[in-house]
Amino acid sequence: MNHLHTTDEPFPTPEQAYADAPSILDEIGWTARTLAALECFTALDRDFYLRKAALLDRLALLDEPDTPGDTTDTAVAAALYLLDLDQPAVICDPRAYVRQQYARTLTDDQ
């Protein structure tokens, strides 16, 4: 399944991308359980990094109207990691890319 951005596909807003997402608390729990179940130095799949980047993006969105800072920086770093992992053929806002890929994954799973 190709998850990479195409130039004719618009980037969703955060509201569109995360409309059907599990709650932030559920995603924190999923992330923690996933990491707790791993042995040291276990490779993780793209789905983990996408969900983690989306979670961090959502957390950053809660802070940004008032004080963008460490949470925003962490969200950008996670988004850049996903971009590096995927190597898309376009240059774009890393967090917009996460939103697009997350929304696409939700659509593909249904």
PDB file of N, CA and C in Angstrom:
ATOM      1  N   MET A   1       0.842  -1.167   0.000  1.00  0.00           N
ATOM      2  CA  MET A   1       0.000   0.000   0.000  1.00  0.00           C
ATOM      3  C   MET A   1       0.890   1.234   0.000  1.00  0.00           C
ATOM      4  N   ASN A   2       0.668   2.144  -0.941  1.00  0.00           N
ATOM      5  CA  ASN A   2       1.466   3.353  -1.050  1.00  0.00           C
ATOM      6  C   ASN A   2       0.864   4.437  -0.179  1.00  0.00           C
ATOM      7  N   HIS A   3       1.623   4.919   0.804  1.00  0.00           N
ATOM      8  CA  HIS A   3       1.140   5.953   1.714  1.00  0.00           C
ATOM      9  C   HIS A   3       1.707   7.319   1.371  1.00  0.00           C
ATOM     10  N   LEU A   4       2.418   7.453   0.290  1.00  0.00           N
ATOM     11  CA  LEU A   4       3.107   8.699   0.017  1.00  0.00           C
ATOM     12  C   LEU A   4       2.201   9.720  -0.638  1.00  0.00           C
ATOM     13  N   HIS A   5       2.494  10.971  -0.358  1.00  0.00           N
ATOM     14  CA  HIS A   5       1.713  12.106  -0.850  1.00  0.00           C
ATOM     15  C   HIS A   5       1.797  12.228  -2.368  1.00  0.00           C
ATOM     16  N   THR A   6       0.670  12.555  -2.960  1.00  0.00           N
ATOM     17  CA  THR A   6       0.669  12.917  -4.372  1.00  0.00           C
ATOM     18  C   THR A   6       0.311  14.388  -4.468  1.00  0.00           C
ATOM     19  N   THR A   7       0.810  15.062  -5.486  1.00  0.00           N
ATOM     20  CA  THR A   7       0.639  16.506  -5.588  1.00  0.00           C
ATOM     21  C   THR A   7      -0.806  16.925  -5.798  1.00  0.00           C
ATOM     22  N   ASP A   8      -1.669  16.042  -6.275  1.00  0.00           N
ATOM     23  CA  ASP A   8      -3.057  16.424  -6.510  1.00  0.00           C
ATOM     24  C   ASP A   8      -3.959  16.179  -5.299  1.00  0.00           C
ATOM     25  N   GLU A   9      -3.383  15.701  -4.219  1.00  0.00           N
ATOM     26  CA  GLU A   9      -4.158  15.394  -3.022  1.00  0.00           C
ATOM     27  C   GLU A   9      -3.963  16.498  -1.986  1.00  0.00           C
ATOM     28  N   PRO A  10      -5.046  17.155  -1.540  1.00  0.00           N
ATOM     29  CA  PRO A  10      -4.895  18.246  -0.575  1.00  0.00           C
ATOM     30  C   PRO A  10      -4.555  17.722   0.826  1.00  0.00           C
ATOM     31  N   PHE A  11      -3.927  18.579   1.606  1.00  0.00           N
ATOM     32  CA  PHE A  11      -3.652  18.231   2.996  1.00  0.00           C
ATOM     33  C   PHE A  11      -4.891  18.519   3.837  1.00  0.00           C
ATOM     34  N   PRO A  12      -5.293  17.585   4.691  1.00  0.00           N
ATOM     35  CA  PRO A  12      -6.470  17.827   5.526  1.00  0.00           C
ATOM     36  C   PRO A  12      -6.135  18.791   6.668  1.00  0.00           C
ATOM     37  N   THR A  13      -7.163  19.445   7.169  1.00  0.00           N
ATOM     38  CA  THR A  13      -6.992  20.242   8.381  1.00  0.00           C
ATOM     39  C   THR A  13      -6.836  19.264   9.550  1.00  0.00           C
ATOM     40  N   PRO A  14      -6.339  19.739  10.689  1.00  0.00           N
ATOM     41  CA  PRO A  14      -6.282  18.843  11.851  1.00  0.00           C
ATOM     42  C   PRO A  14      -7.649  18.271  12.201  1.00  0.00           C
ATOM     43  N   GLU A  15      -8.686  19.084  12.096  1.00  0.00           N
ATOM     44  CA  GLU A  15     -10.036  18.604  12.410  1.00  0.00           C
ATOM     45  C   GLU A  15     -10.461  17.481  11.476  1.00  0.00           C
ATOM     46  N   GLN A  16     -10.127  17.604  10.209  1.00  0.00           N
ATOM     47  CA  GLN A  16     -10.456  16.548   9.245  1.00  0.00           C
ATOM     48  C   GLN A  16      -9.621  15.291   9.496  1.00  0.00           C
ATOM     49  N   ALA A  17      -8.338  15.478   9.717  1.00  0.00           N
ATOM     50  CA  ALA A  17      -7.431  14.338   9.884  1.00  0.00           C
ATOM     51  C   ALA A  17      -7.765  13.515  11.120  1.00  0.00           C
ATOM     52  N   TYR A  18      -8.144  14.181  12.199  1.00  0.00           N
ATOM     53  CA  TYR A  18      -8.326  13.488  13.472  1.00  0.00           C
ATOM     54  C   TYR A  18      -9.796  13.319  13.869  1.00  0.00           C
ATOM     55  N   ALA A  19     -10.711  13.573  12.958  1.00  0.00           N
ATOM     56  CA  ALA A  19     -12.144  13.486  13.261  1.00  0.00           C
ATOM     57  C   ALA A  19     -12.548  12.112  13.790  1.00  0.00           C
ATOM     58  N   ASP A  20     -12.001  11.055  13.223  1.00  0.00           N
ATOM     59  CA  ASP A  20     -12.376   9.696  13.630  1.00  0.00           C
ATOM     60  C   ASP A  20     -11.280   9.007  14.435  1.00  0.00           C
ATOM     61  N   ALA A  21     -10.332   9.770  14.916  1.00  0.00           N
ATOM     62  CA  ALA A  21      -9.204   9.195  15.670  1.00  0.00           C
ATOM     63  C   ALA A  21      -9.648   8.796  17.073  1.00  0.00           C
ATOM     64  N   PRO A  22      -8.979   7.791  17.629  1.00  0.00           N
ATOM     65  CA  PRO A  22      -9.235   7.472  19.041  1.00  0.00           C
ATOM     66  C   PRO A  22      -8.888   8.690  19.904  1.00  0.00           C
ATOM     67  N   SER A  23      -9.352   8.700  21.122  1.00  0.00           N
ATOM     68  CA  SER A  23      -9.052   9.823  22.009  1.00  0.00           C
ATOM     69  C   SER A  23      -7.546   9.920  22.247  1.00  0.00           C
ATOM     70  N   ILE A  24      -7.108  11.087  22.629  1.00  0.00           N
ATOM     71  CA  ILE A  24      -5.687  11.285  22.942  1.00  0.00           C
ATOM     72  C   ILE A  24      -5.262  10.340  24.054  1.00  0.00           C
ATOM     73  N   LEU A  25      -6.088  10.180  25.077  1.00  0.00           N
ATOM     74  CA  LEU A  25      -5.743   9.262  26.173  1.00  0.00           C
ATOM     75  C   LEU A  25      -5.617   7.826  25.686  1.00  0.00           C
ATOM     76  N   ASP A  26      -6.502   7.404  24.799  1.00  0.00           N
ATOM     77  CA  ASP A  26      -6.401   6.050  24.242  1.00  0.00           C
ATOM     78  C   ASP A  26      -5.093   5.881  23.468  1.00  0.00           C
ATOM     79  N   GLU A  27      -4.708   6.898  22.711  1.00  0.00           N
ATOM     80  CA  GLU A  27      -3.472   6.809  21.923  1.00  0.00           C
ATOM     81  C   GLU A  27      -2.237   6.837  22.828  1.00  0.00           C
ATOM     82  N   ILE A  28      -2.277   7.597  23.905  1.00  0.00           N
ATOM     83  CA  ILE A  28      -1.170   7.569  24.873  1.00  0.00           C
ATOM     84  C   ILE A  28      -1.056   6.166  25.456  1.00  0.00           C
ATOM     85  N   GLY A  29      -2.190   5.582  25.820  1.00  0.00           N
ATOM     86  CA  GLY A  29      -2.190   4.218  26.361  1.00  0.00           C
ATOM     87  C   GLY A  29      -1.664   3.212  25.365  1.00  0.00           C
ATOM     88  N   TRP A  30      -2.100   3.322  24.102  1.00  0.00           N
ATOM     89  CA  TRP A  30      -1.630   2.399  23.066  1.00  0.00           C
ATOM     90  C   TRP A  30      -0.115   2.523  22.888  1.00  0.00           C
ATOM     91  N   THR A  31       0.377   3.744  22.839  1.00  0.00           N
ATOM     92  CA  THR A  31       1.814   3.975  22.669  1.00  0.00           C
ATOM     93  C   THR A  31       2.586   3.374  23.840  1.00  0.00           C
ATOM     94  N   ALA A  32       2.137   3.634  25.055  1.00  0.00           N
ATOM     95  CA  ALA A  32       2.819   3.118  26.244  1.00  0.00           C
ATOM     96  C   ALA A  32       2.800   1.591  26.281  1.00  0.00           C
ATOM     97  N   ARG A  33       1.644   0.994  25.983  1.00  0.00           N
ATOM     98  CA  ARG A  33       1.552  -0.480  25.979  1.00  0.00           C
ATOM     99  C   ARG A  33       2.444  -1.085  24.906  1.00  0.00           C
ATOM    100  N   THR A  34       2.476  -0.466  23.732  1.00  0.00           N
ATOM    101  CA  THR A  34       3.313  -0.968  22.643  1.00  0.00           C
ATOM    102  C   THR A  34       4.777  -0.952  23.051  1.00  0.00           C
ATOM    103  N   LEU A  35       5.222   0.157  23.618  1.00  0.00           N
ATOM    104  CA  LEU A  35       6.625   0.273  24.021  1.00  0.00           C
ATOM    105  C   LEU A  35       6.960  -0.649  25.191  1.00  0.00           C
ATOM    106  N   ALA A  36       6.035  -0.809  26.137  1.00  0.00           N
ATOM    107  CA  ALA A  36       6.283  -1.656  27.299  1.00  0.00           C
ATOM    108  C   ALA A  36       6.418  -3.126  26.918  1.00  0.00           C
ATOM    109  N   ALA A  37       5.771  -3.530  25.841  1.00  0.00           N
ATOM    110  CA  ALA A  37       5.790  -4.928  25.426  1.00  0.00           C
ATOM    111  C   ALA A  37       7.028  -5.302  24.609  1.00  0.00           C
ATOM    112  N   LEU A  38       7.868  -4.331  24.297  1.00  0.00           N
ATOM    113  CA  LEU A  38       9.011  -4.585  23.424  1.00  0.00           C
ATOM    114  C   LEU A  38      10.264  -4.965  24.193  1.00  0.00           C
ATOM    115  N   GLU A  39      11.090  -5.745  23.541  1.00  0.00           N
ATOM    116  CA  GLU A  39      12.439  -5.987  24.030  1.00  0.00           C
ATOM    117  C   GLU A  39      13.290  -4.799  23.590  1.00  0.00           C
ATOM    118  N   CYS A  40      14.401  -4.588  24.238  1.00  0.00           N
ATOM    119  CA  CYS A  40      15.304  -3.500  23.844  1.00  0.00           C
ATOM    120  C   CYS A  40      15.719  -3.657  22.383  1.00  0.00           C
ATOM    121  N   PHE A  41      15.839  -2.542  21.707  1.00  0.00           N
ATOM    122  CA  PHE A  41      16.323  -2.472  20.325  1.00  0.00           C
ATOM    123  C   PHE A  41      15.417  -3.184  19.322  1.00  0.00           C
ATOM    124  N   THR A  42      14.143  -3.310  19.643  1.00  0.00           N
ATOM    125  CA  THR A  42      13.179  -3.898  18.723  1.00  0.00           C
ATOM    126  C   THR A  42      12.801  -2.866  17.664  1.00  0.00           C
ATOM    127  N   ALA A  43      12.829  -3.278  16.417  1.00  0.00           N
ATOM    128  CA  ALA A  43      12.408  -2.388  15.328  1.00  0.00           C
ATOM    129  C   ALA A  43      10.887  -2.250  15.349  1.00  0.00           C
ATOM    130  N   LEU A  44      10.434  -1.045  15.144  1.00  0.00           N
ATOM    131  CA  LEU A  44       8.998  -0.787  15.104  1.00  0.00           C
ATOM    132  C   LEU A  44       8.573  -0.496  13.675  1.00  0.00           C
ATOM    133  N   ASP A  45       7.299  -0.753  13.371  1.00  0.00           N
ATOM    134  CA  ASP A  45       6.819  -0.541  12.008  1.00  0.00           C
ATOM    135  C   ASP A  45       6.342   0.899  11.804  1.00  0.00           C
ATOM    136  N   ARG A  46       6.066   1.221  10.571  1.00  0.00           N
ATOM    137  CA  ARG A  46       5.645   2.562  10.184  1.00  0.00           C
ATOM    138  C   ARG A  46       4.385   2.993  10.927  1.00  0.00           C
ATOM    139  N   ASP A  47       3.449   2.068  11.140  1.00  0.00           N
ATOM    140  CA  ASP A  47       2.205   2.387  11.830  1.00  0.00           C
ATOM    141  C   ASP A  47       2.477   2.987  13.203  1.00  0.00           C
ATOM    142  N   PHE A  48       3.437   2.441  13.923  1.00  0.00           N
ATOM    143  CA  PHE A  48       3.770   2.989  15.240  1.00  0.00           C
ATOM    144  C   PHE A  48       4.233   4.434  15.113  1.00  0.00           C
ATOM    145  N   TYR A  49       5.159   4.690  14.207  1.00  0.00           N
ATOM    146  CA  TYR A  49       5.705   6.043  14.065  1.00  0.00           C
ATOM    147  C   TYR A  49       4.664   7.032  13.557  1.00  0.00           C
ATOM    148  N   LEU A  50       3.752   6.579  12.712  1.00  0.00           N
ATOM    149  CA  LEU A  50       2.673   7.444  12.243  1.00  0.00           C
ATOM    150  C   LEU A  50       1.728   7.786  13.394  1.00  0.00           C
ATOM    151  N   ARG A  51       1.309   6.779  14.143  1.00  0.00           N
ATOM    152  CA  ARG A  51       0.395   7.032  15.260  1.00  0.00           C
ATOM    153  C   ARG A  51       1.048   7.893  16.331  1.00  0.00           C
ATOM    154  N   LYS A  52       2.331   7.664  16.584  1.00  0.00           N
ATOM    155  CA  LYS A  52       3.049   8.475  17.566  1.00  0.00           C
ATOM    156  C   LYS A  52       3.149   9.923  17.084  1.00  0.00           C
ATOM    157  N   ALA A  53       3.495  10.128  15.821  1.00  0.00           N
ATOM    158  CA  ALA A  53       3.596  11.479  15.272  1.00  0.00           C
ATOM    159  C   ALA A  53       2.241  12.176  15.310  1.00  0.00           C
ATOM    160  N   ALA A  54       1.165  11.451  15.001  1.00  0.00           N
ATOM    161  CA  ALA A  54      -0.175  12.036  15.047  1.00  0.00           C
ATOM    162  C   ALA A  54      -0.552  12.399  16.478  1.00  0.00           C
ATOM    163  N   LEU A  55      -0.233  11.549  17.418  1.00  0.00           N
ATOM    164  CA  LEU A  55      -0.506  11.842  18.822  1.00  0.00           C
ATOM    165  C   LEU A  55       0.232  13.110  19.251  1.00  0.00           C
ATOM    166  N   LEU A  56       1.510  13.196  18.927  1.00  0.00           N
ATOM    167  CA  LEU A  56       2.288  14.377  19.303  1.00  0.00           C
ATOM    168  C   LEU A  56       1.770  15.629  18.600  1.00  0.00           C
ATOM    169  N   ASP A  57       1.326  15.495  17.358  1.00  0.00           N
ATOM    170  CA  ASP A  57       0.740  16.628  16.646  1.00  0.00           C
ATOM    171  C   ASP A  57      -0.517  17.098  17.370  1.00  0.00           C
ATOM    172  N   ARG A  58      -1.361  16.171  17.762  1.00  0.00           N
ATOM    173  CA  ARG A  58      -2.589  16.518  18.463  1.00  0.00           C
ATOM    174  C   ARG A  58      -2.300  17.199  19.799  1.00  0.00           C
ATOM    175  N   LEU A  59      -1.291  16.709  20.520  1.00  0.00           N
ATOM    176  CA  LEU A  59      -0.907  17.345  21.784  1.00  0.00           C
ATOM    177  C   LEU A  59      -0.376  18.756  21.545  1.00  0.00           C
ATOM    178  N   ALA A  60       0.420  18.923  20.507  1.00  0.00           N
ATOM    179  CA  ALA A  60       0.962  20.247  20.180  1.00  0.00           C
ATOM    180  C   ALA A  60      -0.160  21.212  19.812  1.00  0.00           C
ATOM    181  N   LEU A  61      -1.156  20.725  19.107  1.00  0.00           N
ATOM    182  CA  LEU A  61      -2.282  21.584  18.728  1.00  0.00           C
ATOM    183  C   LEU A  61      -3.010  22.136  19.952  1.00  0.00           C
ATOM    184  N   LEU A  62      -2.998  21.397  21.050  1.00  0.00           N
ATOM    185  CA  LEU A  62      -3.630  21.870  22.284  1.00  0.00           C
ATOM    186  C   LEU A  62      -2.872  23.050  22.879  1.00  0.00           C
ATOM    187  N   ASP A  63      -1.541  23.073  22.712  1.00  0.00           N
ATOM    188  CA  ASP A  63      -0.693  24.123  23.277  1.00  0.00           C
ATOM    189  C   ASP A  63      -0.529  25.335  22.371  1.00  0.00           C
ATOM    190  N   GLU A  64      -0.599  25.127  21.078  1.00  0.00           N
ATOM    191  CA  GLU A  64      -0.183  26.161  20.135  1.00  0.00           C
ATOM    192  C   GLU A  64      -0.959  27.468  20.151  1.00  0.00           C
ATOM    193  N   PRO A  65      -2.236  27.474  20.392  1.00  0.00           N
ATOM    194  CA  PRO A  65      -2.879  28.794  20.372  1.00  0.00           C
ATOM    195  C   PRO A  65      -2.252  29.763  21.386  1.00  0.00           C
ATOM    196  N   ASP A  66      -1.722  29.222  22.476  1.00  0.00           N
ATOM    197  CA  ASP A  66      -1.173  30.078  23.519  1.00  0.00           C
ATOM    198  C   ASP A  66       0.357  30.124  23.503  1.00  0.00           C
ATOM    199  N   THR A  67       0.976  28.966  23.609  1.00  0.00           N
ATOM    200  CA  THR A  67       2.427  28.949  23.768  1.00  0.00           C
ATOM    201  C   THR A  67       3.073  27.781  23.036  1.00  0.00           C
ATOM    202  N   PRO A  68       3.318  27.912  21.737  1.00  0.00           N
ATOM    203  CA  PRO A  68       4.060  26.836  21.087  1.00  0.00           C
ATOM    204  C   PRO A  68       5.443  26.727  21.708  1.00  0.00           C
ATOM    205  N   GLY A  69       5.885  25.518  21.929  1.00  0.00           N
ATOM    206  CA  GLY A  69       7.182  25.329  22.576  1.00  0.00           C
ATOM    207  C   GLY A  69       7.681  23.918  22.412  1.00  0.00           C
ATOM    208  N   ASP A  70       8.045  23.307  23.534  1.00  0.00           N
ATOM    209  CA  ASP A  70       8.637  21.970  23.505  1.00  0.00           C
ATOM    210  C   ASP A  70       7.714  20.934  22.871  1.00  0.00           C
ATOM    211  N   THR A  71       6.428  21.015  23.143  1.00  0.00           N
ATOM    212  CA  THR A  71       5.491  20.044  22.569  1.00  0.00           C
ATOM    213  C   THR A  71       5.463  20.180  21.047  1.00  0.00           C
ATOM    214  N   THR A  72       5.462  21.409  20.574  1.00  0.00           N
ATOM    215  CA  THR A  72       5.487  21.645  19.127  1.00  0.00           C
ATOM    216  C   THR A  72       6.793  21.131  18.534  1.00  0.00           C
ATOM    217  N   ASP A  73       7.909  21.401  19.200  1.00  0.00           N
ATOM    218  CA  ASP A  73       9.208  20.922  18.710  1.00  0.00           C
ATOM    219  C   ASP A  73       9.242  19.396  18.639  1.00  0.00           C
ATOM    220  N   THR A  74       8.659  18.741  19.634  1.00  0.00           N
ATOM    221  CA  THR A  74       8.621  17.278  19.657  1.00  0.00           C
ATOM    222  C   THR A  74       7.731  16.750  18.538  1.00  0.00           C
ATOM    223  N   ALA A  75       6.617  17.418  18.287  1.00  0.00           N
ATOM    224  CA  ALA A  75       5.718  17.009  17.193  1.00  0.00           C
ATOM    225  C   ALA A  75       6.421  17.154  15.841  1.00  0.00           C
ATOM    226  N   VAL A  76       7.144  18.227  15.668  1.00  0.00           N
ATOM    227  CA  VAL A  76       7.881  18.428  14.412  1.00  0.00           C
ATOM    228  C   VAL A  76       8.953  17.352  14.262  1.00  0.00           C
ATOM    229  N   ALA A  77       9.674  17.035  15.337  1.00  0.00           N
ATOM    230  CA  ALA A  77      10.716  16.006  15.269  1.00  0.00           C
ATOM    231  C   ALA A  77      10.132  14.652  14.889  1.00  0.00           C
ATOM    232  N   ALA A  78       8.986  14.287  15.463  1.00  0.00           N
ATOM    233  CA  ALA A  78       8.339  13.011  15.128  1.00  0.00           C
ATOM    234  C   ALA A  78       7.860  13.015  13.679  1.00  0.00           C
ATOM    235  N   ALA A  79       7.358  14.147  13.219  1.00  0.00           N
ATOM    236  CA  ALA A  79       6.910  14.259  11.830  1.00  0.00           C
ATOM    237  C   ALA A  79       8.094  14.150  10.870  1.00  0.00           C
ATOM    238  N   LEU A  80       9.199  14.787  11.228  1.00  0.00           N
ATOM    239  CA  LEU A  80      10.401  14.690  10.382  1.00  0.00           C
ATOM    240  C   LEU A  80      10.912  13.250  10.321  1.00  0.00           C
ATOM    241  N   TYR A  81      10.804  12.524  11.427  1.00  0.00           N
ATOM    242  CA  TYR A  81      11.221  11.115  11.429  1.00  0.00           C
ATOM    243  C   TYR A  81      10.366  10.314  10.449  1.00  0.00           C
ATOM    244  N   LEU A  82       9.044  10.557  10.464  1.00  0.00           N
ATOM    245  CA  LEU A  82       8.159   9.854   9.531  1.00  0.00           C
ATOM    246  C   LEU A  82       8.490  10.224   8.095  1.00  0.00           C
ATOM    247  N   LEU A  83       8.733  11.498   7.836  1.00  0.00           N
ATOM    248  CA  LEU A  83       9.128  11.923   6.484  1.00  0.00           C
ATOM    249  C   LEU A  83      10.406  11.216   6.049  1.00  0.00           C
ATOM    250  N   ASP A  84      11.361  11.119   6.958  1.00  0.00           N
ATOM    251  CA  ASP A  84      12.618  10.444   6.640  1.00  0.00           C
ATOM    252  C   ASP A  84      12.378   8.961   6.365  1.00  0.00           C
ATOM    253  N   LEU A  85      11.498   8.365   7.122  1.00  0.00           N
ATOM    254  CA  LEU A  85      11.161   6.954   6.937  1.00  0.00           C
ATOM    255  C   LEU A  85      10.484   6.717   5.590  1.00  0.00           C
ATOM    256  N   ASP A  86       9.540   7.593   5.226  1.00  0.00           N
ATOM    257  CA  ASP A  86       8.760   7.430   3.995  1.00  0.00           C
ATOM    258  C   ASP A  86       9.482   7.916   2.740  1.00  0.00           C
ATOM    259  N   GLN A  87      10.305   8.938   2.884  1.00  0.00           N
ATOM    260  CA  GLN A  87      10.995   9.526   1.731  1.00  0.00           C
ATOM    261  C   GLN A  87      10.018   9.906   0.615  1.00  0.00           C
ATOM    262  N   PRO A  88       9.020  10.767   0.915  1.00  0.00           N
ATOM    263  CA  PRO A  88       8.076  11.161  -0.139  1.00  0.00           C
ATOM    264  C   PRO A  88       8.769  11.986  -1.213  1.00  0.00           C
ATOM    265  N   ALA A  89       8.148  12.058  -2.361  1.00  0.00           N
ATOM    266  CA  ALA A  89       8.738  12.752  -3.511  1.00  0.00           C
ATOM    267  C   ALA A  89       8.460  14.251  -3.491  1.00  0.00           C
ATOM    268  N   VAL A  90       7.837  14.754  -2.434  1.00  0.00           N
ATOM    269  CA  VAL A  90       7.532  16.182  -2.341  1.00  0.00           C
ATOM    270  C   VAL A  90       8.094  16.742  -1.039  1.00  0.00           C
ATOM    271  N   ILE A  91       8.291  18.037  -1.030  1.00  0.00           N
ATOM    272  CA  ILE A  91       8.689  18.733   0.186  1.00  0.00           C
ATOM    273  C   ILE A  91       7.446  19.429   0.709  1.00  0.00           C
ATOM    274  N   CYS A  92       7.166  19.254   1.997  1.00  0.00           N
ATOM    275  CA  CYS A  92       5.951  19.830   2.558  1.00  0.00           C
ATOM    276  C   CYS A  92       6.140  20.053   4.050  1.00  0.00           C
ATOM    277  N   ASP A  93       5.146  20.682   4.656  1.00  0.00           N
ATOM    278  CA  ASP A  93       5.129  20.865   6.108  1.00  0.00           C
ATOM    279  C   ASP A  93       5.067  19.474   6.749  1.00  0.00           C
ATOM    280  N   PRO A  94       6.039  19.141   7.604  1.00  0.00           N
ATOM    281  CA  PRO A  94       6.059  17.786   8.179  1.00  0.00           C
ATOM    282  C   PRO A  94       4.789  17.407   8.933  1.00  0.00           C
ATOM    283  N   ARG A  95       4.234  18.331   9.685  1.00  0.00           N
ATOM    284  CA  ARG A  95       3.024  17.993  10.438  1.00  0.00           C
ATOM    285  C   ARG A  95       1.816  17.867   9.526  1.00  0.00           C
ATOM    286  N   ALA A  96       1.750  18.620   8.461  1.00  0.00           N
ATOM    287  CA  ALA A  96       0.669  18.453   7.478  1.00  0.00           C
ATOM    288  C   ALA A  96       0.770  17.074   6.833  1.00  0.00           C
ATOM    289  N   TYR A  97       1.990  16.629   6.591  1.00  0.00           N
ATOM    290  CA  TYR A  97       2.205  15.297   6.025  1.00  0.00           C
ATOM    291  C   TYR A  97       1.681  14.214   6.984  1.00  0.00           C
ATOM    292  N   VAL A  98       1.973  14.366   8.270  1.00  0.00           N
ATOM    293  CA  VAL A  98       1.477  13.405   9.262  1.00  0.00           C
ATOM    294  C   VAL A  98      -0.044  13.360   9.230  1.00  0.00           C
ATOM    295  N   ARG A  99      -0.670  14.526   9.188  1.00  0.00           N
ATOM    296  CA  ARG A  99      -2.138  14.579   9.163  1.00  0.00           C
ATOM    297  C   ARG A  99      -2.689  13.885   7.924  1.00  0.00           C
ATOM    298  N   GLN A 100      -2.062  14.130   6.791  1.00  0.00           N
ATOM    299  CA  GLN A 100      -2.514  13.505   5.549  1.00  0.00           C
ATOM    300  C   GLN A 100      -2.376  11.990   5.629  1.00  0.00           C
ATOM    301  N   GLN A 101      -1.230  11.525   6.090  1.00  0.00           N
ATOM    302  CA  GLN A 101      -0.990  10.089   6.154  1.00  0.00           C
ATOM    303  C   GLN A 101      -1.893   9.419   7.188  1.00  0.00           C
ATOM    304  N   TYR A 102      -2.128  10.091   8.306  1.00  0.00           N
ATOM    305  CA  TYR A 102      -3.012   9.543   9.330  1.00  0.00           C
ATOM    306  C   TYR A 102      -4.441   9.434   8.800  1.00  0.00           C
ATOM    307  N   ALA A 103      -4.920  10.497   8.174  1.00  0.00           N
ATOM    308  CA  ALA A 103      -6.277  10.469   7.598  1.00  0.00           C
ATOM    309  C   ALA A 103      -6.381   9.389   6.531  1.00  0.00           C
ATOM    310  N   ARG A 104      -5.371   9.251   5.713  1.00  0.00           N
ATOM    311  CA  ARG A 104      -5.376   8.238   4.665  1.00  0.00           C
ATOM    312  C   ARG A 104      -5.381   6.832   5.285  1.00  0.00           C
ATOM    313  N   THR A 105      -4.637   6.632   6.342  1.00  0.00           N
ATOM    314  CA  THR A 105      -4.587   5.331   6.998  1.00  0.00           C
ATOM    315  C   THR A 105      -5.942   4.976   7.597  1.00  0.00           C
ATOM    316  N   LEU A 106      -6.608   5.950   8.218  1.00  0.00           N
ATOM    317  CA  LEU A 106      -7.935   5.695   8.750  1.00  0.00           C
ATOM    318  C   LEU A 106      -8.904   5.307   7.641  1.00  0.00           C
ATOM    319  N   THR A 107      -8.813   5.980   6.499  1.00  0.00           N
ATOM    320  CA  THR A 107      -9.665   5.686   5.357  1.00  0.00           C
ATOM    321  C   THR A 107      -9.358   4.308   4.774  1.00  0.00           C
ATOM    322  N   ASP A 108      -8.066   3.977   4.665  1.00  0.00           N
ATOM    323  CA  ASP A 108      -7.654   2.681   4.128  1.00  0.00           C
ATOM    324  C   ASP A 108      -8.097   1.517   5.011  1.00  0.00           C
ATOM    325  N   ASP A 109      -8.167   1.744   6.336  1.00  0.00           N
ATOM    326  CA  ASP A 109      -8.528   0.675   7.271  1.00  0.00           C
ATOM    327  C   ASP A 109     -10.023   0.385   7.271  1.00  0.00           C
ATOM    328  N   GLN A 110     -10.818   1.269   6.707  1.00  0.00           N
ATOM    329  CA  GLN A 110     -12.267   1.074   6.770  1.00  0.00           C
ATOM    330  C   GLN A 110     -12.771   0.365   5.540  1.00  0.00           C
TER     331      GLN A 110
END
